[in-house]
Amino acid sequence: TYFGEPVFIVGNCLSLNTHYRQYDR
């Protein structure tokens, strides 16, 4: 539980919904 496990998805990173979520990094 001390590890931030990655979640990977298949897709083109230029077609993300930018209204859905923003990130710290």
PDBML (XML) file of the C-alpha atoms, coordinates in Angstrom:
<?xml version="1.0" encoding="UTF-8" ?>
<PDBx:datablock datablockName="MODEL"
   xmlns:PDBx="http://pdbml.pdb.org/schema/pdbx-v50.xsd"
   xmlns:xsi="http://www.w3.org/2001/XMLSchema-instance"
   xsi:schemaLocation="http://pdbml.pdb.org/schema/pdbx-v50.xsd pdbx-v50.xsd">
   <PDBx:atom_siteCategory>
      <PDBx:atom_site id="1">
         <PDBx:B_iso_or_equiv>0.00</PDBx:B_iso_or_equiv>
         <PDBx:Cartn_x>0.000</PDBx:Cartn_x>
         <PDBx:Cartn_y>0.000</PDBx:Cartn_y>
         <PDBx:Cartn_z>0.000</PDBx:Cartn_z>
         <PDBx:auth_asym_id>A</PDBx:auth_asym_id>
         <PDBx:auth_atom_id>CA</PDBx:auth_atom_id>
         <PDBx:auth_comp_id>THR</PDBx:auth_comp_id>
         <PDBx:auth_seq_id>1</PDBx:auth_seq_id>
         <PDBx:group_PDB>ATOM</PDBx:group_PDB>
         <PDBx:label_alt_id xsi:nil="true" />
         <PDBx:label_asym_id>A</PDBx:label_asym_id>
         <PDBx:label_atom_id>CA</PDBx:label_atom_id>
         <PDBx:label_comp_id>THR</PDBx:label_comp_id>
         <PDBx:label_entity_id>1</PDBx:label_entity_id>
         <PDBx:label_seq_id>1</PDBx:label_seq_id>
         <PDBx:occupancy>1.00</PDBx:occupancy>
         <PDBx:pdbx_PDB_model_num>1</PDBx:pdbx_PDB_model_num>
         <PDBx:type_symbol>C</PDBx:type_symbol>
      </PDBx:atom_site>
      <PDBx:atom_site id="2">
         <PDBx:B_iso_or_equiv>0.00</PDBx:B_iso_or_equiv>
         <PDBx:Cartn_x>3.014</PDBx:Cartn_x>
         <PDBx:Cartn_y>2.342</PDBx:Cartn_y>
         <PDBx:Cartn_z>-0.011</PDBx:Cartn_z>
         <PDBx:auth_asym_id>A</PDBx:auth_asym_id>
         <PDBx:auth_atom_id>CA</PDBx:auth_atom_id>
         <PDBx:auth_comp_id>TYR</PDBx:auth_comp_id>
         <PDBx:auth_seq_id>2</PDBx:auth_seq_id>
         <PDBx:group_PDB>ATOM</PDBx:group_PDB>
         <PDBx:label_alt_id xsi:nil="true" />
         <PDBx:label_asym_id>A</PDBx:label_asym_id>
         <PDBx:label_atom_id>CA</PDBx:label_atom_id>
         <PDBx:label_comp_id>TYR</PDBx:label_comp_id>
         <PDBx:label_entity_id>1</PDBx:label_entity_id>
         <PDBx:label_seq_id>2</PDBx:label_seq_id>
         <PDBx:occupancy>1.00</PDBx:occupancy>
         <PDBx:pdbx_PDB_model_num>1</PDBx:pdbx_PDB_model_num>
         <PDBx:type_symbol>C</PDBx:type_symbol>
      </PDBx:atom_site>
      <PDBx:atom_site id="3">
         <PDBx:B_iso_or_equiv>0.00</PDBx:B_iso_or_equiv>
         <PDBx:Cartn_x>3.282</PDBx:Cartn_x>
         <PDBx:Cartn_y>1.981</PDBx:Cartn_y>
         <PDBx:Cartn_z>-3.799</PDBx:Cartn_z>
         <PDBx:auth_asym_id>A</PDBx:auth_asym_id>
         <PDBx:auth_atom_id>CA</PDBx:auth_atom_id>
         <PDBx:auth_comp_id>PHE</PDBx:auth_comp_id>
         <PDBx:auth_seq_id>3</PDBx:auth_seq_id>
         <PDBx:group_PDB>ATOM</PDBx:group_PDB>
         <PDBx:label_alt_id xsi:nil="true" />
         <PDBx:label_asym_id>A</PDBx:label_asym_id>
         <PDBx:label_atom_id>CA</PDBx:label_atom_id>
         <PDBx:label_comp_id>PHE</PDBx:label_comp_id>
         <PDBx:label_entity_id>1</PDBx:label_entity_id>
         <PDBx:label_seq_id>3</PDBx:label_seq_id>
         <PDBx:occupancy>1.00</PDBx:occupancy>
         <PDBx:pdbx_PDB_model_num>1</PDBx:pdbx_PDB_model_num>
         <PDBx:type_symbol>C</PDBx:type_symbol>
      </PDBx:atom_site>
      <PDBx:atom_site id="4">
         <PDBx:B_iso_or_equiv>0.00</PDBx:B_iso_or_equiv>
         <PDBx:Cartn_x>1.274</PDBx:Cartn_x>
         <PDBx:Cartn_y>4.093</PDBx:Cartn_y>
         <PDBx:Cartn_z>-6.237</PDBx:Cartn_z>
         <PDBx:auth_asym_id>A</PDBx:auth_asym_id>
         <PDBx:auth_atom_id>CA</PDBx:auth_atom_id>
         <PDBx:auth_comp_id>GLY</PDBx:auth_comp_id>
         <PDBx:auth_seq_id>4</PDBx:auth_seq_id>
         <PDBx:group_PDB>ATOM</PDBx:group_PDB>
         <PDBx:label_alt_id xsi:nil="true" />
         <PDBx:label_asym_id>A</PDBx:label_asym_id>
         <PDBx:label_atom_id>CA</PDBx:label_atom_id>
         <PDBx:label_comp_id>GLY</PDBx:label_comp_id>
         <PDBx:label_entity_id>1</PDBx:label_entity_id>
         <PDBx:label_seq_id>4</PDBx:label_seq_id>
         <PDBx:occupancy>1.00</PDBx:occupancy>
         <PDBx:pdbx_PDB_model_num>1</PDBx:pdbx_PDB_model_num>
         <PDBx:type_symbol>C</PDBx:type_symbol>
      </PDBx:atom_site>
      <PDBx:atom_site id="5">
         <PDBx:B_iso_or_equiv>0.00</PDBx:B_iso_or_equiv>
         <PDBx:Cartn_x>0.426</PDBx:Cartn_x>
         <PDBx:Cartn_y>1.326</PDBx:Cartn_y>
         <PDBx:Cartn_z>-8.668</PDBx:Cartn_z>
         <PDBx:auth_asym_id>A</PDBx:auth_asym_id>
         <PDBx:auth_atom_id>CA</PDBx:auth_atom_id>
         <PDBx:auth_comp_id>GLU</PDBx:auth_comp_id>
         <PDBx:auth_seq_id>5</PDBx:auth_seq_id>
         <PDBx:group_PDB>ATOM</PDBx:group_PDB>
         <PDBx:label_alt_id xsi:nil="true" />
         <PDBx:label_asym_id>A</PDBx:label_asym_id>
         <PDBx:label_atom_id>CA</PDBx:label_atom_id>
         <PDBx:label_comp_id>GLU</PDBx:label_comp_id>
         <PDBx:label_entity_id>1</PDBx:label_entity_id>
         <PDBx:label_seq_id>5</PDBx:label_seq_id>
         <PDBx:occupancy>1.00</PDBx:occupancy>
         <PDBx:pdbx_PDB_model_num>1</PDBx:pdbx_PDB_model_num>
         <PDBx:type_symbol>C</PDBx:type_symbol>
      </PDBx:atom_site>
      <PDBx:atom_site id="6">
         <PDBx:B_iso_or_equiv>0.00</PDBx:B_iso_or_equiv>
         <PDBx:Cartn_x>0.340</PDBx:Cartn_x>
         <PDBx:Cartn_y>2.463</PDBx:Cartn_y>
         <PDBx:Cartn_z>-12.309</PDBx:Cartn_z>
         <PDBx:auth_asym_id>A</PDBx:auth_asym_id>
         <PDBx:auth_atom_id>CA</PDBx:auth_atom_id>
         <PDBx:auth_comp_id>PRO</PDBx:auth_comp_id>
         <PDBx:auth_seq_id>6</PDBx:auth_seq_id>
         <PDBx:group_PDB>ATOM</PDBx:group_PDB>
         <PDBx:label_alt_id xsi:nil="true" />
         <PDBx:label_asym_id>A</PDBx:label_asym_id>
         <PDBx:label_atom_id>CA</PDBx:label_atom_id>
         <PDBx:label_comp_id>PRO</PDBx:label_comp_id>
         <PDBx:label_entity_id>1</PDBx:label_entity_id>
         <PDBx:label_seq_id>6</PDBx:label_seq_id>
         <PDBx:occupancy>1.00</PDBx:occupancy>
         <PDBx:pdbx_PDB_model_num>1</PDBx:pdbx_PDB_model_num>
         <PDBx:type_symbol>C</PDBx:type_symbol>
      </PDBx:atom_site>
      <PDBx:atom_site id="7">
         <PDBx:B_iso_or_equiv>0.00</PDBx:B_iso_or_equiv>
         <PDBx:Cartn_x>-2.839</PDBx:Cartn_x>
         <PDBx:Cartn_y>2.077</PDBx:Cartn_y>
         <PDBx:Cartn_z>-14.337</PDBx:Cartn_z>
         <PDBx:auth_asym_id>A</PDBx:auth_asym_id>
         <PDBx:auth_atom_id>CA</PDBx:auth_atom_id>
         <PDBx:auth_comp_id>VAL</PDBx:auth_comp_id>
         <PDBx:auth_seq_id>7</PDBx:auth_seq_id>
         <PDBx:group_PDB>ATOM</PDBx:group_PDB>
         <PDBx:label_alt_id xsi:nil="true" />
         <PDBx:label_asym_id>A</PDBx:label_asym_id>
         <PDBx:label_atom_id>CA</PDBx:label_atom_id>
         <PDBx:label_comp_id>VAL</PDBx:label_comp_id>
         <PDBx:label_entity_id>1</PDBx:label_entity_id>
         <PDBx:label_seq_id>7</PDBx:label_seq_id>
         <PDBx:occupancy>1.00</PDBx:occupancy>
         <PDBx:pdbx_PDB_model_num>1</PDBx:pdbx_PDB_model_num>
         <PDBx:type_symbol>C</PDBx:type_symbol>
      </PDBx:atom_site>
      <PDBx:atom_site id="8">
         <PDBx:B_iso_or_equiv>0.00</PDBx:B_iso_or_equiv>
         <PDBx:Cartn_x>-2.145</PDBx:Cartn_x>
         <PDBx:Cartn_y>1.748</PDBx:Cartn_y>
         <PDBx:Cartn_z>-18.072</PDBx:Cartn_z>
         <PDBx:auth_asym_id>A</PDBx:auth_asym_id>
         <PDBx:auth_atom_id>CA</PDBx:auth_atom_id>
         <PDBx:auth_comp_id>PHE</PDBx:auth_comp_id>
         <PDBx:auth_seq_id>8</PDBx:auth_seq_id>
         <PDBx:group_PDB>ATOM</PDBx:group_PDB>
         <PDBx:label_alt_id xsi:nil="true" />
         <PDBx:label_asym_id>A</PDBx:label_asym_id>
         <PDBx:label_atom_id>CA</PDBx:label_atom_id>
         <PDBx:label_comp_id>PHE</PDBx:label_comp_id>
         <PDBx:label_entity_id>1</PDBx:label_entity_id>
         <PDBx:label_seq_id>8</PDBx:label_seq_id>
         <PDBx:occupancy>1.00</PDBx:occupancy>
         <PDBx:pdbx_PDB_model_num>1</PDBx:pdbx_PDB_model_num>
         <PDBx:type_symbol>C</PDBx:type_symbol>
      </PDBx:atom_site>
      <PDBx:atom_site id="9">
         <PDBx:B_iso_or_equiv>0.00</PDBx:B_iso_or_equiv>
         <PDBx:Cartn_x>-4.685</PDBx:Cartn_x>
         <PDBx:Cartn_y>2.286</PDBx:Cartn_y>
         <PDBx:Cartn_z>-20.837</PDBx:Cartn_z>
         <PDBx:auth_asym_id>A</PDBx:auth_asym_id>
         <PDBx:auth_atom_id>CA</PDBx:auth_atom_id>
         <PDBx:auth_comp_id>ILE</PDBx:auth_comp_id>
         <PDBx:auth_seq_id>9</PDBx:auth_seq_id>
         <PDBx:group_PDB>ATOM</PDBx:group_PDB>
         <PDBx:label_alt_id xsi:nil="true" />
         <PDBx:label_asym_id>A</PDBx:label_asym_id>
         <PDBx:label_atom_id>CA</PDBx:label_atom_id>
         <PDBx:label_comp_id>ILE</PDBx:label_comp_id>
         <PDBx:label_entity_id>1</PDBx:label_entity_id>
         <PDBx:label_seq_id>9</PDBx:label_seq_id>
         <PDBx:occupancy>1.00</PDBx:occupancy>
         <PDBx:pdbx_PDB_model_num>1</PDBx:pdbx_PDB_model_num>
         <PDBx:type_symbol>C</PDBx:type_symbol>
      </PDBx:atom_site>
      <PDBx:atom_site id="10">
         <PDBx:B_iso_or_equiv>0.00</PDBx:B_iso_or_equiv>
         <PDBx:Cartn_x>-4.455</PDBx:Cartn_x>
         <PDBx:Cartn_y>1.920</PDBx:Cartn_y>
         <PDBx:Cartn_z>-24.606</PDBx:Cartn_z>
         <PDBx:auth_asym_id>A</PDBx:auth_asym_id>
         <PDBx:auth_atom_id>CA</PDBx:auth_atom_id>
         <PDBx:auth_comp_id>VAL</PDBx:auth_comp_id>
         <PDBx:auth_seq_id>10</PDBx:auth_seq_id>
         <PDBx:group_PDB>ATOM</PDBx:group_PDB>
         <PDBx:label_alt_id xsi:nil="true" />
         <PDBx:label_asym_id>A</PDBx:label_asym_id>
         <PDBx:label_atom_id>CA</PDBx:label_atom_id>
         <PDBx:label_comp_id>VAL</PDBx:label_comp_id>
         <PDBx:label_entity_id>1</PDBx:label_entity_id>
         <PDBx:label_seq_id>10</PDBx:label_seq_id>
         <PDBx:occupancy>1.00</PDBx:occupancy>
         <PDBx:pdbx_PDB_model_num>1</PDBx:pdbx_PDB_model_num>
         <PDBx:type_symbol>C</PDBx:type_symbol>
      </PDBx:atom_site>
      <PDBx:atom_site id="11">
         <PDBx:B_iso_or_equiv>0.00</PDBx:B_iso_or_equiv>
         <PDBx:Cartn_x>-5.094</PDBx:Cartn_x>
         <PDBx:Cartn_y>5.051</PDBx:Cartn_y>
         <PDBx:Cartn_z>-26.636</PDBx:Cartn_z>
         <PDBx:auth_asym_id>A</PDBx:auth_asym_id>
         <PDBx:auth_atom_id>CA</PDBx:auth_atom_id>
         <PDBx:auth_comp_id>GLY</PDBx:auth_comp_id>
         <PDBx:auth_seq_id>11</PDBx:auth_seq_id>
         <PDBx:group_PDB>ATOM</PDBx:group_PDB>
         <PDBx:label_alt_id xsi:nil="true" />
         <PDBx:label_asym_id>A</PDBx:label_asym_id>
         <PDBx:label_atom_id>CA</PDBx:label_atom_id>
         <PDBx:label_comp_id>GLY</PDBx:label_comp_id>
         <PDBx:label_entity_id>1</PDBx:label_entity_id>
         <PDBx:label_seq_id>11</PDBx:label_seq_id>
         <PDBx:occupancy>1.00</PDBx:occupancy>
         <PDBx:pdbx_PDB_model_num>1</PDBx:pdbx_PDB_model_num>
         <PDBx:type_symbol>C</PDBx:type_symbol>
      </PDBx:atom_site>
      <PDBx:atom_site id="12">
         <PDBx:B_iso_or_equiv>0.00</PDBx:B_iso_or_equiv>
         <PDBx:Cartn_x>-3.668</PDBx:Cartn_x>
         <PDBx:Cartn_y>8.104</PDBx:Cartn_y>
         <PDBx:Cartn_z>-28.325</PDBx:Cartn_z>
         <PDBx:auth_asym_id>A</PDBx:auth_asym_id>
         <PDBx:auth_atom_id>CA</PDBx:auth_atom_id>
         <PDBx:auth_comp_id>ASN</PDBx:auth_comp_id>
         <PDBx:auth_seq_id>12</PDBx:auth_seq_id>
         <PDBx:group_PDB>ATOM</PDBx:group_PDB>
         <PDBx:label_alt_id xsi:nil="true" />
         <PDBx:label_asym_id>A</PDBx:label_asym_id>
         <PDBx:label_atom_id>CA</PDBx:label_atom_id>
         <PDBx:label_comp_id>ASN</PDBx:label_comp_id>
         <PDBx:label_entity_id>1</PDBx:label_entity_id>
         <PDBx:label_seq_id>12</PDBx:label_seq_id>
         <PDBx:occupancy>1.00</PDBx:occupancy>
         <PDBx:pdbx_PDB_model_num>1</PDBx:pdbx_PDB_model_num>
         <PDBx:type_symbol>C</PDBx:type_symbol>
      </PDBx:atom_site>
      <PDBx:atom_site id="13">
         <PDBx:B_iso_or_equiv>0.00</PDBx:B_iso_or_equiv>
         <PDBx:Cartn_x>-2.547</PDBx:Cartn_x>
         <PDBx:Cartn_y>10.567</PDBx:Cartn_y>
         <PDBx:Cartn_z>-25.659</PDBx:Cartn_z>
         <PDBx:auth_asym_id>A</PDBx:auth_asym_id>
         <PDBx:auth_atom_id>CA</PDBx:auth_atom_id>
         <PDBx:auth_comp_id>CYS</PDBx:auth_comp_id>
         <PDBx:auth_seq_id>13</PDBx:auth_seq_id>
         <PDBx:group_PDB>ATOM</PDBx:group_PDB>
         <PDBx:label_alt_id xsi:nil="true" />
         <PDBx:label_asym_id>A</PDBx:label_asym_id>
         <PDBx:label_atom_id>CA</PDBx:label_atom_id>
         <PDBx:label_comp_id>CYS</PDBx:label_comp_id>
         <PDBx:label_entity_id>1</PDBx:label_entity_id>
         <PDBx:label_seq_id>13</PDBx:label_seq_id>
         <PDBx:occupancy>1.00</PDBx:occupancy>
         <PDBx:pdbx_PDB_model_num>1</PDBx:pdbx_PDB_model_num>
         <PDBx:type_symbol>C</PDBx:type_symbol>
      </PDBx:atom_site>
      <PDBx:atom_site id="14">
         <PDBx:B_iso_or_equiv>0.00</PDBx:B_iso_or_equiv>
         <PDBx:Cartn_x>-3.578</PDBx:Cartn_x>
         <PDBx:Cartn_y>13.465</PDBx:Cartn_y>
         <PDBx:Cartn_z>-27.896</PDBx:Cartn_z>
         <PDBx:auth_asym_id>A</PDBx:auth_asym_id>
         <PDBx:auth_atom_id>CA</PDBx:auth_atom_id>
         <PDBx:auth_comp_id>LEU</PDBx:auth_comp_id>
         <PDBx:auth_seq_id>14</PDBx:auth_seq_id>
         <PDBx:group_PDB>ATOM</PDBx:group_PDB>
         <PDBx:label_alt_id xsi:nil="true" />
         <PDBx:label_asym_id>A</PDBx:label_asym_id>
         <PDBx:label_atom_id>CA</PDBx:label_atom_id>
         <PDBx:label_comp_id>LEU</PDBx:label_comp_id>
         <PDBx:label_entity_id>1</PDBx:label_entity_id>
         <PDBx:label_seq_id>14</PDBx:label_seq_id>
         <PDBx:occupancy>1.00</PDBx:occupancy>
         <PDBx:pdbx_PDB_model_num>1</PDBx:pdbx_PDB_model_num>
         <PDBx:type_symbol>C</PDBx:type_symbol>
      </PDBx:atom_site>
      <PDBx:atom_site id="15">
         <PDBx:B_iso_or_equiv>0.00</PDBx:B_iso_or_equiv>
         <PDBx:Cartn_x>-7.234</PDBx:Cartn_x>
         <PDBx:Cartn_y>12.445</PDBx:Cartn_y>
         <PDBx:Cartn_z>-27.661</PDBx:Cartn_z>
         <PDBx:auth_asym_id>A</PDBx:auth_asym_id>
         <PDBx:auth_atom_id>CA</PDBx:auth_atom_id>
         <PDBx:auth_comp_id>SER</PDBx:auth_comp_id>
         <PDBx:auth_seq_id>15</PDBx:auth_seq_id>
         <PDBx:group_PDB>ATOM</PDBx:group_PDB>
         <PDBx:label_alt_id xsi:nil="true" />
         <PDBx:label_asym_id>A</PDBx:label_asym_id>
         <PDBx:label_atom_id>CA</PDBx:label_atom_id>
         <PDBx:label_comp_id>SER</PDBx:label_comp_id>
         <PDBx:label_entity_id>1</PDBx:label_entity_id>
         <PDBx:label_seq_id>15</PDBx:label_seq_id>
         <PDBx:occupancy>1.00</PDBx:occupancy>
         <PDBx:pdbx_PDB_model_num>1</PDBx:pdbx_PDB_model_num>
         <PDBx:type_symbol>C</PDBx:type_symbol>
      </PDBx:atom_site>
      <PDBx:atom_site id="16">
         <PDBx:B_iso_or_equiv>0.00</PDBx:B_iso_or_equiv>
         <PDBx:Cartn_x>-7.687</PDBx:Cartn_x>
         <PDBx:Cartn_y>12.620</PDBx:Cartn_y>
         <PDBx:Cartn_z>-23.883</PDBx:Cartn_z>
         <PDBx:auth_asym_id>A</PDBx:auth_asym_id>
         <PDBx:auth_atom_id>CA</PDBx:auth_atom_id>
         <PDBx:auth_comp_id>LEU</PDBx:auth_comp_id>
         <PDBx:auth_seq_id>16</PDBx:auth_seq_id>
         <PDBx:group_PDB>ATOM</PDBx:group_PDB>
         <PDBx:label_alt_id xsi:nil="true" />
         <PDBx:label_asym_id>A</PDBx:label_asym_id>
         <PDBx:label_atom_id>CA</PDBx:label_atom_id>
         <PDBx:label_comp_id>LEU</PDBx:label_comp_id>
         <PDBx:label_entity_id>1</PDBx:label_entity_id>
         <PDBx:label_seq_id>16</PDBx:label_seq_id>
         <PDBx:occupancy>1.00</PDBx:occupancy>
         <PDBx:pdbx_PDB_model_num>1</PDBx:pdbx_PDB_model_num>
         <PDBx:type_symbol>C</PDBx:type_symbol>
      </PDBx:atom_site>
      <PDBx:atom_site id="17">
         <PDBx:B_iso_or_equiv>0.00</PDBx:B_iso_or_equiv>
         <PDBx:Cartn_x>-10.719</PDBx:Cartn_x>
         <PDBx:Cartn_y>14.448</PDBx:Cartn_y>
         <PDBx:Cartn_z>-22.567</PDBx:Cartn_z>
         <PDBx:auth_asym_id>A</PDBx:auth_asym_id>
         <PDBx:auth_atom_id>CA</PDBx:auth_atom_id>
         <PDBx:auth_comp_id>ASN</PDBx:auth_comp_id>
         <PDBx:auth_seq_id>17</PDBx:auth_seq_id>
         <PDBx:group_PDB>ATOM</PDBx:group_PDB>
         <PDBx:label_alt_id xsi:nil="true" />
         <PDBx:label_asym_id>A</PDBx:label_asym_id>
         <PDBx:label_atom_id>CA</PDBx:label_atom_id>
         <PDBx:label_comp_id>ASN</PDBx:label_comp_id>
         <PDBx:label_entity_id>1</PDBx:label_entity_id>
         <PDBx:label_seq_id>17</PDBx:label_seq_id>
         <PDBx:occupancy>1.00</PDBx:occupancy>
         <PDBx:pdbx_PDB_model_num>1</PDBx:pdbx_PDB_model_num>
         <PDBx:type_symbol>C</PDBx:type_symbol>
      </PDBx:atom_site>
      <PDBx:atom_site id="18">
         <PDBx:B_iso_or_equiv>0.00</PDBx:B_iso_or_equiv>
         <PDBx:Cartn_x>-8.994</PDBx:Cartn_x>
         <PDBx:Cartn_y>17.505</PDBx:Cartn_y>
         <PDBx:Cartn_z>-21.073</PDBx:Cartn_z>
         <PDBx:auth_asym_id>A</PDBx:auth_asym_id>
         <PDBx:auth_atom_id>CA</PDBx:auth_atom_id>
         <PDBx:auth_comp_id>THR</PDBx:auth_comp_id>
         <PDBx:auth_seq_id>18</PDBx:auth_seq_id>
         <PDBx:group_PDB>ATOM</PDBx:group_PDB>
         <PDBx:label_alt_id xsi:nil="true" />
         <PDBx:label_asym_id>A</PDBx:label_asym_id>
         <PDBx:label_atom_id>CA</PDBx:label_atom_id>
         <PDBx:label_comp_id>THR</PDBx:label_comp_id>
         <PDBx:label_entity_id>1</PDBx:label_entity_id>
         <PDBx:label_seq_id>18</PDBx:label_seq_id>
         <PDBx:occupancy>1.00</PDBx:occupancy>
         <PDBx:pdbx_PDB_model_num>1</PDBx:pdbx_PDB_model_num>
         <PDBx:type_symbol>C</PDBx:type_symbol>
      </PDBx:atom_site>
      <PDBx:atom_site id="19">
         <PDBx:B_iso_or_equiv>0.00</PDBx:B_iso_or_equiv>
         <PDBx:Cartn_x>-12.194</PDBx:Cartn_x>
         <PDBx:Cartn_y>18.552</PDBx:Cartn_y>
         <PDBx:Cartn_z>-19.255</PDBx:Cartn_z>
         <PDBx:auth_asym_id>A</PDBx:auth_asym_id>
         <PDBx:auth_atom_id>CA</PDBx:auth_atom_id>
         <PDBx:auth_comp_id>HIS</PDBx:auth_comp_id>
         <PDBx:auth_seq_id>19</PDBx:auth_seq_id>
         <PDBx:group_PDB>ATOM</PDBx:group_PDB>
         <PDBx:label_alt_id xsi:nil="true" />
         <PDBx:label_asym_id>A</PDBx:label_asym_id>
         <PDBx:label_atom_id>CA</PDBx:label_atom_id>
         <PDBx:label_comp_id>HIS</PDBx:label_comp_id>
         <PDBx:label_entity_id>1</PDBx:label_entity_id>
         <PDBx:label_seq_id>19</PDBx:label_seq_id>
         <PDBx:occupancy>1.00</PDBx:occupancy>
         <PDBx:pdbx_PDB_model_num>1</PDBx:pdbx_PDB_model_num>
         <PDBx:type_symbol>C</PDBx:type_symbol>
      </PDBx:atom_site>
      <PDBx:atom_site id="20">
         <PDBx:B_iso_or_equiv>0.00</PDBx:B_iso_or_equiv>
         <PDBx:Cartn_x>-12.214</PDBx:Cartn_x>
         <PDBx:Cartn_y>15.329</PDBx:Cartn_y>
         <PDBx:Cartn_z>-17.259</PDBx:Cartn_z>
         <PDBx:auth_asym_id>A</PDBx:auth_asym_id>
         <PDBx:auth_atom_id>CA</PDBx:auth_atom_id>
         <PDBx:auth_comp_id>TYR</PDBx:auth_comp_id>
         <PDBx:auth_seq_id>20</PDBx:auth_seq_id>
         <PDBx:group_PDB>ATOM</PDBx:group_PDB>
         <PDBx:label_alt_id xsi:nil="true" />
         <PDBx:label_asym_id>A</PDBx:label_asym_id>
         <PDBx:label_atom_id>CA</PDBx:label_atom_id>
         <PDBx:label_comp_id>TYR</PDBx:label_comp_id>
         <PDBx:label_entity_id>1</PDBx:label_entity_id>
         <PDBx:label_seq_id>20</PDBx:label_seq_id>
         <PDBx:occupancy>1.00</PDBx:occupancy>
         <PDBx:pdbx_PDB_model_num>1</PDBx:pdbx_PDB_model_num>
         <PDBx:type_symbol>C</PDBx:type_symbol>
      </PDBx:atom_site>
      <PDBx:atom_site id="21">
         <PDBx:B_iso_or_equiv>0.00</PDBx:B_iso_or_equiv>
         <PDBx:Cartn_x>-9.083</PDBx:Cartn_x>
         <PDBx:Cartn_y>15.514</PDBx:Cartn_y>
         <PDBx:Cartn_z>-15.114</PDBx:Cartn_z>
         <PDBx:auth_asym_id>A</PDBx:auth_asym_id>
         <PDBx:auth_atom_id>CA</PDBx:auth_atom_id>
         <PDBx:auth_comp_id>ARG</PDBx:auth_comp_id>
         <PDBx:auth_seq_id>21</PDBx:auth_seq_id>
         <PDBx:group_PDB>ATOM</PDBx:group_PDB>
         <PDBx:label_alt_id xsi:nil="true" />
         <PDBx:label_asym_id>A</PDBx:label_asym_id>
         <PDBx:label_atom_id>CA</PDBx:label_atom_id>
         <PDBx:label_comp_id>ARG</PDBx:label_comp_id>
         <PDBx:label_entity_id>1</PDBx:label_entity_id>
         <PDBx:label_seq_id>21</PDBx:label_seq_id>
         <PDBx:occupancy>1.00</PDBx:occupancy>
         <PDBx:pdbx_PDB_model_num>1</PDBx:pdbx_PDB_model_num>
         <PDBx:type_symbol>C</PDBx:type_symbol>
      </PDBx:atom_site>
      <PDBx:atom_site id="22">
         <PDBx:B_iso_or_equiv>0.00</PDBx:B_iso_or_equiv>
         <PDBx:Cartn_x>-5.918</PDBx:Cartn_x>
         <PDBx:Cartn_y>17.550</PDBx:Cartn_y>
         <PDBx:Cartn_z>-14.577</PDBx:Cartn_z>
         <PDBx:auth_asym_id>A</PDBx:auth_asym_id>
         <PDBx:auth_atom_id>CA</PDBx:auth_atom_id>
         <PDBx:auth_comp_id>GLN</PDBx:auth_comp_id>
         <PDBx:auth_seq_id>22</PDBx:auth_seq_id>
         <PDBx:group_PDB>ATOM</PDBx:group_PDB>
         <PDBx:label_alt_id xsi:nil="true" />
         <PDBx:label_asym_id>A</PDBx:label_asym_id>
         <PDBx:label_atom_id>CA</PDBx:label_atom_id>
         <PDBx:label_comp_id>GLN</PDBx:label_comp_id>
         <PDBx:label_entity_id>1</PDBx:label_entity_id>
         <PDBx:label_seq_id>22</PDBx:label_seq_id>
         <PDBx:occupancy>1.00</PDBx:occupancy>
         <PDBx:pdbx_PDB_model_num>1</PDBx:pdbx_PDB_model_num>
         <PDBx:type_symbol>C</PDBx:type_symbol>
      </PDBx:atom_site>
      <PDBx:atom_site id="23">
         <PDBx:B_iso_or_equiv>0.00</PDBx:B_iso_or_equiv>
         <PDBx:Cartn_x>-2.732</PDBx:Cartn_x>
         <PDBx:Cartn_y>16.293</PDBx:Cartn_y>
         <PDBx:Cartn_z>-12.939</PDBx:Cartn_z>
         <PDBx:auth_asym_id>A</PDBx:auth_asym_id>
         <PDBx:auth_atom_id>CA</PDBx:auth_atom_id>
         <PDBx:auth_comp_id>TYR</PDBx:auth_comp_id>
         <PDBx:auth_seq_id>23</PDBx:auth_seq_id>
         <PDBx:group_PDB>ATOM</PDBx:group_PDB>
         <PDBx:label_alt_id xsi:nil="true" />
         <PDBx:label_asym_id>A</PDBx:label_asym_id>
         <PDBx:label_atom_id>CA</PDBx:label_atom_id>
         <PDBx:label_comp_id>TYR</PDBx:label_comp_id>
         <PDBx:label_entity_id>1</PDBx:label_entity_id>
         <PDBx:label_seq_id>23</PDBx:label_seq_id>
         <PDBx:occupancy>1.00</PDBx:occupancy>
         <PDBx:pdbx_PDB_model_num>1</PDBx:pdbx_PDB_model_num>
         <PDBx:type_symbol>C</PDBx:type_symbol>
      </PDBx:atom_site>
      <PDBx:atom_site id="24">
         <PDBx:B_iso_or_equiv>0.00</PDBx:B_iso_or_equiv>
         <PDBx:Cartn_x>-0.046</PDBx:Cartn_x>
         <PDBx:Cartn_y>17.611</PDBx:Cartn_y>
         <PDBx:Cartn_z>-10.598</PDBx:Cartn_z>
         <PDBx:auth_asym_id>A</PDBx:auth_asym_id>
         <PDBx:auth_atom_id>CA</PDBx:auth_atom_id>
         <PDBx:auth_comp_id>ASP</PDBx:auth_comp_id>
         <PDBx:auth_seq_id>24</PDBx:auth_seq_id>
         <PDBx:group_PDB>ATOM</PDBx:group_PDB>
         <PDBx:label_alt_id xsi:nil="true" />
         <PDBx:label_asym_id>A</PDBx:label_asym_id>
         <PDBx:label_atom_id>CA</PDBx:label_atom_id>
         <PDBx:label_comp_id>ASP</PDBx:label_comp_id>
         <PDBx:label_entity_id>1</PDBx:label_entity_id>
         <PDBx:label_seq_id>24</PDBx:label_seq_id>
         <PDBx:occupancy>1.00</PDBx:occupancy>
         <PDBx:pdbx_PDB_model_num>1</PDBx:pdbx_PDB_model_num>
         <PDBx:type_symbol>C</PDBx:type_symbol>
      </PDBx:atom_site>
      <PDBx:atom_site id="25">
         <PDBx:B_iso_or_equiv>0.00</PDBx:B_iso_or_equiv>
         <PDBx:Cartn_x>2.687</PDBx:Cartn_x>
         <PDBx:Cartn_y>16.171</PDBx:Cartn_y>
         <PDBx:Cartn_z>-12.804</PDBx:Cartn_z>
         <PDBx:auth_asym_id>A</PDBx:auth_asym_id>
         <PDBx:auth_atom_id>CA</PDBx:auth_atom_id>
         <PDBx:auth_comp_id>ARG</PDBx:auth_comp_id>
         <PDBx:auth_seq_id>25</PDBx:auth_seq_id>
         <PDBx:group_PDB>ATOM</PDBx:group_PDB>
         <PDBx:label_alt_id xsi:nil="true" />
         <PDBx:label_asym_id>A</PDBx:label_asym_id>
         <PDBx:label_atom_id>CA</PDBx:label_atom_id>
         <PDBx:label_comp_id>ARG</PDBx:label_comp_id>
         <PDBx:label_entity_id>1</PDBx:label_entity_id>
         <PDBx:label_seq_id>25</PDBx:label_seq_id>
         <PDBx:occupancy>1.00</PDBx:occupancy>
         <PDBx:pdbx_PDB_model_num>1</PDBx:pdbx_PDB_model_num>
         <PDBx:type_symbol>C</PDBx:type_symbol>
      </PDBx:atom_site>
   </PDBx:atom_siteCategory>
</PDBx:datablock>
